[in-house]
Protein backbone atom coordinates (compact mmCIF):
# COMPACT_ATOMS: atom_id res chain seq x y z
CA UNK A 1 -9.88 7.94 -25.36
CA UNK A 2 -11.41 4.38 -25.64
CA UNK A 3 -9.77 1.23 -25.09
CA UNK A 4 -11.10 -2.38 -24.94
CA UNK A 5 -9.48 -5.23 -23.20
CA UNK A 6 -10.83 -8.48 -24.88
CA UNK A 7 -11.33 -12.00 -23.52
CA UNK A 8 -9.55 -11.78 -20.06
CA UNK A 9 -9.84 -13.69 -17.21
CA UNK A 10 -11.38 -11.04 -14.71
CA UNK A 11 -10.23 -10.93 -10.94
CA UNK A 12 -12.03 -8.13 -9.22
CA UNK A 13 -10.45 -9.17 -6.99
CA UNK A 14 -13.53 -11.64 -6.81
CA UNK A 15 -13.47 -13.83 -9.77
CA UNK A 16 -16.02 -12.68 -12.45
CA UNK A 17 -14.70 -15.28 -15.32
CA UNK A 18 -14.11 -14.53 -18.95
CA UNK A 19 -15.12 -10.65 -19.78
CA UNK A 20 -14.29 -7.56 -21.87
CA UNK A 21 -13.48 -4.46 -20.17
CA UNK A 22 -14.19 -0.88 -21.93
CA UNK A 23 -12.15 1.68 -20.48
CA UNK A 24 -12.87 5.57 -21.40
CA UNK A 25 -10.67 8.18 -20.05
CA UNK A 26 -9.74 7.38 -16.82
CA UNK A 27 -12.68 5.13 -15.98
CA UNK A 28 -13.98 1.47 -16.38
CA UNK A 29 -17.15 2.03 -18.11
CA UNK A 30 -18.43 -1.34 -18.58
CA UNK A 31 -17.40 -5.06 -17.82
CA UNK A 32 -19.54 -7.60 -19.82
CA UNK A 33 -19.14 -10.45 -22.04
CA UNK A 34 -18.48 -9.93 -25.72
CA UNK A 35 -18.63 -6.08 -26.14
CA UNK A 36 -18.41 -5.23 -29.58
CA UNK A 37 -15.89 -2.82 -31.21
CA UNK A 38 -17.76 -1.89 -34.35
CA UNK A 39 -19.97 0.85 -32.51
CA UNK A 40 -16.96 2.22 -30.75
CA UNK A 41 -15.17 4.69 -33.36
CA UNK A 42 -11.33 5.10 -32.52
CA UNK A 43 -11.33 2.19 -29.87
CA UNK A 44 -7.98 0.74 -29.05
CA UNK A 45 -8.47 -2.80 -28.71
CA UNK A 46 -6.54 -5.17 -26.67
CA UNK A 47 -6.79 -9.14 -27.24
CA UNK A 48 -6.19 -10.72 -23.91
CA UNK A 49 -6.58 -14.53 -24.56
CA UNK A 50 -4.96 -16.63 -21.71
CA UNK A 51 -4.69 -13.37 -19.70
CA UNK A 52 -5.75 -12.19 -15.98
CA UNK A 53 -6.82 -8.91 -15.56
CA UNK A 54 -6.85 -7.75 -11.58
CA UNK A 55 -6.96 -4.47 -9.88
CA UNK A 56 -3.62 -2.19 -9.68
CA UNK A 57 -1.75 -2.59 -6.47
CA UNK A 58 -1.91 0.26 -3.75
CA UNK A 59 1.38 0.27 -2.10
CA UNK A 60 0.61 2.10 1.26
CA UNK A 61 4.08 2.50 2.45
CA UNK A 62 6.86 3.66 -0.25
CA UNK A 63 9.63 6.23 0.62
CA UNK A 64 8.85 7.85 -2.81
CA UNK A 65 11.37 10.78 -1.92
CA UNK A 66 13.84 8.32 -0.92
CA UNK A 67 14.93 6.81 2.61
CA UNK A 68 18.04 5.95 4.47
CA UNK A 69 20.32 8.58 6.03
CA UNK A 70 21.00 6.21 9.14
CA UNK A 71 24.88 5.82 7.86
CA UNK A 72 25.36 9.65 7.10
CA UNK A 73 24.37 11.76 4.30
CA UNK A 74 26.22 9.52 1.86
CA UNK A 75 23.62 6.82 2.71
CA UNK A 76 20.77 8.95 1.56
CA UNK A 77 18.74 7.19 -1.18
CA UNK A 78 17.26 8.91 -4.15
CA UNK A 79 13.49 9.46 -4.86
CA UNK A 80 11.76 6.65 -6.99
CA UNK A 81 10.65 6.77 -10.40
CA UNK A 82 7.20 6.18 -11.80
CA UNK A 83 8.69 3.56 -13.87
CA UNK A 84 9.90 1.53 -10.70
CA UNK A 85 6.43 1.67 -9.52
CA UNK A 86 4.66 0.66 -12.77
CA UNK A 87 7.20 -2.26 -13.42
CA UNK A 88 6.05 -3.68 -9.99
CA UNK A 89 2.48 -3.25 -10.88
CA UNK A 90 1.73 -0.36 -8.19
CA UNK A 91 -0.65 2.16 -9.80
CA UNK A 92 -1.62 3.90 -6.46
CA UNK A 93 1.05 4.52 -3.93
CA UNK A 94 1.52 6.35 -0.59
CA UNK A 95 4.62 8.00 0.31
CA UNK A 96 6.06 8.82 3.86
CA UNK A 97 9.20 10.03 5.68
CA UNK A 98 11.24 7.97 7.87
CA UNK A 99 13.92 8.83 10.50
CA UNK A 100 15.49 11.13 8.23
CA UNK A 101 13.26 14.40 8.13
CA UNK A 102 16.34 16.80 7.54
CA UNK A 103 17.35 15.87 4.17
CA UNK A 104 14.20 14.99 3.40
CA UNK A 105 11.25 17.44 4.06
CA UNK A 106 7.37 17.35 3.96
CA UNK A 107 7.12 20.05 1.42
CA UNK A 108 9.69 17.96 -0.57
CA UNK A 109 7.48 14.83 -0.16
CA UNK A 110 4.24 16.81 -1.25
CA UNK A 111 5.97 18.00 -4.41
CA UNK A 112 7.38 14.31 -5.28
CA UNK A 113 3.65 13.24 -4.83
CA UNK A 114 2.41 15.59 -7.50
CA UNK A 115 5.36 14.36 -9.75
CA UNK A 116 4.07 10.91 -9.98
CA UNK A 117 0.71 11.88 -10.26
CA UNK A 118 1.85 13.98 -13.26
CA UNK A 119 3.32 10.75 -14.54
CA UNK A 120 0.21 9.13 -14.46
CA UNK A 121 0.00 7.32 -11.22
CA UNK A 122 -2.31 8.19 -8.25
CA UNK A 123 -0.39 9.11 -4.89
CA UNK A 124 -0.93 10.29 -1.41
CA UNK A 125 1.18 10.90 1.38
CA UNK A 126 1.47 10.67 5.37
CA UNK A 127 2.27 13.71 7.57
CA UNK A 128 5.10 12.90 9.89
CA UNK A 129 8.31 10.81 10.37
CA UNK A 130 9.61 8.48 12.98
CA UNK A 131 9.66 10.75 15.93
CA UNK A 132 7.01 13.30 17.74
CA UNK A 133 6.42 15.82 17.62
CA UNK A 134 5.42 15.13 13.83
CA UNK A 135 6.89 17.23 10.90
CA UNK A 136 4.03 18.67 9.10
CA UNK A 137 3.18 21.57 6.46
CA UNK A 138 1.17 23.64 8.27
CA UNK A 139 2.47 23.38 11.65
CA UNK A 140 -0.30 20.78 12.94
CA UNK A 141 -1.13 17.12 11.90
CA UNK A 142 -4.80 17.87 11.97
CA UNK A 143 -4.54 20.76 9.72
CA UNK A 144 -2.42 19.18 7.20
CA UNK A 145 -5.00 16.11 6.85
CA UNK A 146 -7.82 18.33 6.94
CA UNK A 147 -6.66 20.95 4.19
CA UNK A 148 -4.02 19.02 1.93
CA UNK A 149 -5.77 17.00 -0.48
CA UNK A 150 -3.00 14.31 -0.44
CA UNK A 151 -2.33 13.67 3.32
CA UNK A 152 -4.47 10.94 4.11
CA UNK A 153 -3.19 10.41 7.43
CA UNK A 154 0.03 10.55 9.91
CA UNK A 155 3.15 7.89 9.27
CA UNK A 156 5.55 6.55 9.94
CA UNK A 157 5.60 7.01 13.53
CA UNK A 158 7.90 4.76 14.98
CA UNK A 159 7.21 2.54 18.29
CA UNK A 160 9.63 -0.21 19.61
CA UNK A 161 12.53 1.27 17.94
CA UNK A 162 15.85 2.74 19.13
CA UNK A 163 15.59 5.24 16.34
CA UNK A 164 11.79 6.12 18.00
CA UNK A 165 11.15 9.18 20.21
CA UNK A 166 9.69 6.67 22.85
CA UNK A 167 6.35 8.24 22.80
CA UNK A 168 4.71 8.42 26.30
CA UNK A 169 0.80 7.43 26.56
CA UNK A 170 -0.27 10.75 26.57
CA UNK A 171 1.81 11.48 23.52
CA UNK A 172 0.02 8.80 21.47
CA UNK A 173 -3.28 10.16 22.50
CA UNK A 174 -2.69 13.41 21.46
CA UNK A 175 -1.38 12.25 18.12
CA UNK A 176 -4.62 10.15 18.01
CA UNK A 177 -6.71 13.19 18.54
CA UNK A 178 -4.86 15.25 15.83
CA UNK A 179 -5.45 12.34 13.08
CA UNK A 180 -8.77 11.33 13.85
CA UNK A 181 -10.22 14.84 13.77
CA UNK A 182 -8.24 15.83 10.63
CA UNK A 183 -9.63 12.77 9.11
CA UNK A 184 -13.26 13.71 9.90
CA UNK A 185 -12.97 17.38 9.02
CA UNK A 186 -11.17 16.63 5.79
CA UNK A 187 -13.25 13.40 5.07
CA UNK A 188 -10.29 11.34 4.89
CA UNK A 189 -8.97 8.05 6.08
CA UNK A 190 -7.12 9.47 9.35
CA UNK A 191 -5.26 6.64 9.65
CA UNK A 192 -1.91 6.36 11.87
CA UNK A 193 0.82 4.00 10.32
CA UNK A 194 3.09 2.92 12.71
CA UNK A 195 6.64 1.65 12.16
CA UNK A 196 7.17 -1.23 14.93
CA UNK A 197 10.93 -2.12 15.33
CA UNK A 198 12.63 -4.98 17.01
CA UNK A 199 12.38 -3.38 20.38
CA UNK A 200 11.20 -5.77 23.43
CA UNK A 201 8.00 -3.62 23.71
CA UNK A 202 6.76 -4.78 20.26
CA UNK A 203 2.97 -3.86 20.11
CA UNK A 204 2.79 -3.02 23.69
CA UNK A 205 2.70 0.58 23.06
CA UNK A 206 -0.34 0.64 20.94
CA UNK A 207 -2.13 -2.01 22.90
CA UNK A 208 -1.87 0.23 26.17
CA UNK A 209 -3.02 3.24 24.01
CA UNK A 210 -6.18 1.12 22.85
CA UNK A 211 -7.00 -0.32 26.31
CA UNK A 212 -6.77 3.31 28.05
CA UNK A 213 -8.67 5.36 25.31
CA UNK A 214 -11.80 5.26 23.10
CA UNK A 215 -9.98 5.53 19.85
CA UNK A 216 -11.24 3.10 17.19
CA UNK A 217 -8.63 0.20 16.67
CA UNK A 218 -9.36 0.68 13.23
CA UNK A 219 -7.46 3.99 12.65
CA UNK A 220 -4.23 2.28 13.40
CA UNK A 221 -2.12 0.50 11.02
CA UNK A 222 1.18 -1.16 12.63
CA UNK A 223 3.50 -2.41 9.91
CA UNK A 224 6.86 -4.31 9.60
CA UNK A 225 4.81 -6.95 11.67
CA UNK A 226 6.73 -10.09 10.04
CA UNK A 227 10.41 -8.72 11.24
CA UNK A 228 10.49 -11.55 13.92
CA UNK A 229 8.50 -14.56 14.79
CA UNK A 230 7.60 -12.95 18.27
CA UNK A 231 6.34 -10.04 17.03
CA UNK A 232 4.46 -11.68 14.29
CA UNK A 233 2.84 -13.93 16.89
CA UNK A 234 1.78 -11.07 18.71
CA UNK A 235 0.40 -9.55 15.74
CA UNK A 236 -1.71 -12.55 14.85
CA UNK A 237 -3.33 -12.16 18.26
CA UNK A 238 -3.68 -8.51 17.63
CA UNK A 239 -5.73 -9.30 14.21
CA UNK A 240 -7.73 -11.87 15.89
CA UNK A 241 -8.88 -9.37 18.27
CA UNK A 242 -9.80 -6.77 15.61
CA UNK A 243 -6.95 -4.89 14.32
CA UNK A 244 -5.18 -4.17 11.06
CA UNK A 245 -1.99 -5.69 10.39
CA UNK A 246 0.57 -4.91 7.78
CA UNK A 247 2.91 -7.15 6.61
CA UNK A 248 6.09 -6.06 4.78
CA UNK A 249 7.15 -7.72 1.46
CA UNK A 250 10.66 -8.85 0.77
CA UNK A 251 11.47 -9.86 4.32
CA UNK A 252 14.89 -11.79 4.37
CA UNK A 253 16.19 -11.83 8.00
CA UNK A 254 16.54 -15.35 9.39
CA UNK A 255 14.44 -14.34 12.48
CA UNK A 256 11.72 -12.97 9.97
CA UNK A 257 8.62 -14.38 8.23
CA UNK A 258 8.26 -14.26 4.57
CA UNK A 259 4.91 -13.00 3.25
CA UNK A 260 3.94 -15.99 1.56
CA UNK A 261 4.23 -18.19 4.80
CA UNK A 262 2.79 -15.17 6.82
CA UNK A 263 -0.36 -15.20 4.58
CA UNK A 264 -0.48 -19.05 4.36
CA UNK A 265 -0.44 -19.17 8.48
CA UNK A 266 -3.42 -16.52 8.64
CA UNK A 267 -5.74 -18.15 6.39
CA UNK A 268 -5.25 -21.33 8.49
CA UNK A 269 -6.40 -19.20 11.32
CA UNK A 270 -9.37 -17.54 9.71
CA UNK A 271 -11.63 -17.48 6.76
CA UNK A 272 -10.36 -14.56 4.89
CA UNK A 273 -7.67 -11.97 4.91
CA UNK A 274 -10.05 -9.24 6.45
CA UNK A 275 -7.72 -6.51 7.90
CA UNK A 276 -4.47 -7.71 6.51
CA UNK A 277 -2.39 -5.77 4.11
CA UNK A 278 1.00 -5.82 2.64
CA UNK A 279 3.31 -3.12 1.56
CA UNK A 280 6.58 -2.89 0.22
CA UNK A 281 8.63 -0.41 2.32
CA UNK A 282 10.10 0.53 -1.27
CA UNK A 283 13.21 2.71 -1.64
CA UNK A 284 13.72 2.53 2.17
CA UNK A 285 16.86 1.31 3.90
CA UNK A 286 16.92 -2.32 4.43
CA UNK A 287 19.11 -4.63 7.07
CA UNK A 288 20.20 -4.09 10.67
CA UNK A 289 23.03 -1.93 9.08
CA UNK A 290 20.65 0.11 7.06
CA UNK A 291 22.98 -0.01 3.97
CA UNK A 292 20.79 -1.67 1.40
CA UNK A 293 17.84 -0.46 -0.53
CA UNK A 294 14.08 -2.05 -0.40
CA UNK A 295 12.64 -2.96 -3.71
CA UNK A 296 9.03 -2.00 -4.44
CA UNK A 297 9.13 -4.99 -6.76
CA UNK A 298 9.01 -7.35 -3.82
CA UNK A 299 5.44 -6.50 -3.38
CA UNK A 300 4.56 -8.16 -6.66
CA UNK A 301 6.83 -11.13 -6.44
CA UNK A 302 5.58 -11.93 -2.64
CA UNK A 303 2.10 -11.92 -3.95
CA UNK A 304 3.05 -14.10 -7.06
CA UNK A 305 4.93 -16.48 -4.86
CA UNK A 306 1.78 -16.94 -2.27
CA UNK A 307 -0.30 -18.07 -5.25
CA UNK A 308 2.46 -20.01 -7.31
CA UNK A 309 4.55 -21.78 -4.27
CA UNK A 310 2.03 -21.60 -1.79
CA UNK A 311 -0.91 -22.41 -3.84
CA UNK A 312 -2.94 -19.94 -2.05
CA UNK A 313 -6.19 -18.66 -3.81
CA UNK A 314 -5.39 -15.90 -6.18
CA UNK A 315 -8.51 -13.91 -5.40
CA UNK A 316 -8.05 -14.00 -1.51
CA UNK A 317 -4.23 -12.88 -1.78
CA UNK A 318 -4.90 -10.30 -4.25
CA UNK A 319 -7.36 -8.68 -1.58
CA UNK A 320 -4.17 -7.58 0.57
CA UNK A 321 -2.86 -5.38 -2.04
CA UNK A 322 -5.99 -4.04 -3.57
CA UNK A 323 -9.55 -4.07 -1.94
CA UNK A 324 -8.12 -4.48 1.61
CA UNK A 325 -6.04 -1.41 1.41
CA UNK A 326 -8.58 0.66 -0.63
CA UNK A 327 -10.87 0.21 2.30
CA UNK A 328 -8.70 1.14 4.90
CA UNK A 329 -7.49 4.23 3.15
CA UNK A 330 -11.05 5.31 2.19
CA UNK A 331 -10.40 5.05 -1.53
CA UNK A 332 -12.79 2.27 -2.27
CA UNK A 333 -14.80 1.94 -4.81
CA UNK A 334 -12.55 4.18 -6.76
CA UNK A 335 -9.60 2.10 -6.36
CA UNK A 336 -8.84 -1.61 -5.47
CA UNK A 337 -11.84 -3.35 -7.54
CA UNK A 338 -12.50 -3.77 -11.13
CA UNK A 339 -16.06 -2.39 -11.43
CA UNK A 340 -18.14 -0.18 -13.70
CA UNK A 341 -17.43 3.59 -12.52
CA UNK A 342 -14.08 2.60 -10.67
CA UNK A 343 -10.39 4.09 -11.95
CA UNK A 344 -9.07 2.38 -14.62
CA UNK A 345 -5.97 0.60 -12.84
CA UNK A 346 -5.47 -2.89 -14.37
CA UNK A 347 -2.94 -5.36 -14.52
CA UNK A 348 -2.79 -7.85 -17.17
CA UNK A 349 -0.87 -11.12 -16.06
CA UNK A 350 -0.06 -14.39 -18.04
CA UNK A 351 -2.60 -16.75 -16.64
CA UNK A 352 0.17 -19.47 -16.39
CA UNK A 353 2.92 -17.94 -14.67
CA UNK A 354 1.28 -14.59 -13.32
CA UNK A 355 4.00 -12.58 -14.98
CA UNK A 356 3.09 -9.04 -15.14
CA UNK A 357 2.50 -8.15 -19.06
CA UNK A 358 0.38 -5.08 -19.28
CA UNK A 359 -0.19 -1.87 -16.71
CA UNK A 360 -2.95 0.69 -17.35
CA UNK A 361 -3.08 3.16 -14.54
CA UNK A 362 -6.25 5.58 -14.62
CA UNK A 363 -6.83 4.41 -18.06
CA UNK A 364 -3.58 5.29 -19.51
CA UNK A 365 -1.25 2.28 -21.13
CA UNK A 366 1.63 2.27 -18.92
CA UNK A 367 3.61 -0.78 -19.59
CA UNK A 368 3.23 -3.11 -22.03
CA UNK A 369 5.26 -6.59 -23.76
CA UNK A 370 6.65 -6.69 -19.93
């Protein structure tokens, strides 16, 4: 029931210095210097000299039920396991459907989210898929978001992609009404997670929507914005104008921009990475032929590379997979931060190499000794 993490360098993600972290049940109870275990009967003590503690990563874009399908039934990808997520430092995940809404269903997606929750993680889902009208459980996006606890928004709705339904402006307006109203009634984030493809219109459909309506820019989360340099350049301007941008980890295309390089570029444009997030597209299909599989491990690898290889500040980079995502999805301060009262989602890393050594999810030790 009680766990005490001793002598660890704490990034909350703000640097707190050397601290002890006391966990009871699923919550962090105290973060302080030199917490004594003598008055805590039954406490399990973890000595973490030369280690770093930070919040568990939040991955807002994972095909938990499996993606793929673009090359026929044999190309369908199997559901992800809790072990894969934990090994990548992910303690909170948001699942979604992609192009395939026939072999994969909203009901199946919801059940998979419950399965991951039973395994010790925290899970949510988006209602919908690439096309419109969006597939739902209750028959309507508004009621899915308002009434189903795990549904926090819509996604991944595709624009600027040959696999998109090419939604007209009025369809995007109707979609936005359903999502924002469902969010208000259900006290949810009510975000629209937008898949942006390689199409020539890039972010134009979203920009036209914002210019022609009164919906807040904060409710839209366009993703895959580093898939090519033209799109990334447009995304930078969109971000400077107040929009959220989500980058995809593991980008390997010659025309794309890797996450560490993107973060370096963005930091040179401003003083922080506010409104910037990174997700993995994990367990989805990869490459133009859609024959590979995106790995959730790319998220941790890219964050580590941004610090080790690009020499970017750890506490700044950390925000794009912790606090920024938590605020965007209205999970803060339970998620995305190490603080008294927050969920005990804690990663323990080697101080020198930033390799992942231990993972606690809602207070439960999920990974140890790497």
